[in-house]
Amino acid sequence: MKIRVSDYTTNEIIKIMREYVDRTQFEFADDCNLNRRSIQNYEYGTVNYTFETLVKIAKFYHFEITIESTSKTEQMINKY
């Protein structure tokens, strides 16, 4: 699976990851040693998760997080 995170909200991303591994919110939370209520809050968008939480989930389920520069970003970097 490959997604562009810029096409989704943060709450959609965590839900997409959970659904891809075919886990309920409770199973997903338990697998990653997270609070069950937190996963619900992340998916509903009432609470934002940290990058640390995203990395923890990615490592557990063997997702790869890649940060790729766009031409606009390169132009901004080269401007300075």
Protein backbone atom coordinates (compact mmCIF):
# COMPACT_ATOMS: atom_id res chain seq x y z
CA MET A 1 0.00 0.00 0.00
CA LYS A 2 1.20 3.48 -0.83
CA ILE A 3 -0.63 6.69 -0.02
CA ARG A 4 0.13 10.38 -0.31
CA VAL A 5 -0.48 11.83 3.10
CA SER A 6 -1.11 15.26 1.59
CA ASP A 7 -4.32 13.83 0.07
CA TYR A 8 -5.80 12.95 3.49
CA THR A 9 -6.42 14.40 6.92
CA THR A 10 -4.43 13.06 9.86
CA ASN A 11 -7.43 11.17 11.22
CA GLU A 12 -8.00 9.49 7.84
CA ILE A 13 -4.38 8.33 7.68
CA ILE A 14 -4.47 6.41 10.93
CA LYS A 15 -7.80 4.85 9.96
CA ILE A 16 -6.43 3.80 6.56
CA MET A 17 -3.46 2.16 8.27
CA ARG A 18 -5.71 0.33 10.73
CA GLU A 19 -8.11 -0.87 8.04
CA TYR A 20 -5.22 -2.02 5.84
CA VAL A 21 -4.01 -4.39 8.56
CA ASP A 22 -7.61 -5.48 9.15
CA ARG A 23 -7.76 -4.65 12.86
CA THR A 24 -10.49 -3.17 15.02
CA GLN A 25 -9.72 0.02 16.92
CA PHE A 26 -9.28 -2.01 20.10
CA GLU A 27 -7.01 -4.60 18.46
CA PHE A 28 -4.98 -1.85 16.82
CA ALA A 29 -4.51 -0.07 20.14
CA ASP A 30 -3.62 -3.27 21.98
CA ASP A 31 -1.12 -4.32 19.28
CA CYS A 32 0.74 -1.03 19.54
CA ASN A 33 0.40 -0.73 23.30
CA LEU A 34 -1.76 2.39 22.99
CA ASN A 35 -4.82 3.51 24.88
CA ARG A 36 -7.98 2.17 23.20
CA ARG A 37 -9.81 5.47 23.58
CA SER A 38 -6.90 7.29 21.96
CA ILE A 39 -7.31 5.39 18.69
CA GLN A 40 -10.99 6.37 18.61
CA ASN A 41 -10.09 10.00 19.26
CA TYR A 42 -7.39 9.95 16.57
CA GLU A 43 -9.79 8.54 14.00
CA TYR A 44 -12.59 10.95 14.89
CA GLY A 45 -10.14 13.85 14.70
CA THR A 46 -10.85 15.05 18.22
CA VAL A 47 -7.23 14.53 19.27
CA ASN A 48 -4.08 14.72 17.15
CA TYR A 49 -1.49 12.00 17.49
CA THR A 50 2.22 12.70 17.62
CA PHE A 51 4.75 11.75 15.01
CA GLU A 52 6.20 9.45 17.66
CA THR A 53 2.88 7.58 17.80
CA LEU A 54 2.78 7.30 14.01
CA VAL A 55 6.31 5.89 13.95
CA LYS A 56 5.44 3.42 16.71
CA ILE A 57 2.48 2.12 14.68
CA ALA A 58 4.52 2.04 11.48
CA LYS A 59 7.28 0.00 13.09
CA PHE A 60 4.87 -2.49 14.62
CA TYR A 61 3.00 -3.11 11.36
CA HIS A 62 6.05 -2.74 9.10
CA PHE A 63 4.87 0.40 7.31
CA GLU A 64 7.54 2.58 5.77
CA ILE A 65 7.32 6.33 6.27
CA THR A 66 9.02 8.29 3.50
CA ILE A 67 9.39 12.04 3.31
CA GLU A 68 9.91 13.16 -0.24
CA SER A 69 10.73 16.62 -1.45
CA THR A 70 8.58 18.26 -4.09
CA SER A 71 9.84 20.75 -6.61
CA LYS A 72 8.16 23.54 -4.64
CA THR A 73 9.99 22.49 -1.48
CA GLU A 74 13.29 22.35 -3.35
CA GLN A 75 12.72 25.87 -4.67
CA MET A 76 12.06 27.12 -1.15
CA ILE A 77 15.20 25.44 0.21
CA ASN A 78 17.40 26.73 -2.60
CA LYS A 79 16.04 30.26 -2.11
CA TYR A 80 17.77 30.53 1.26
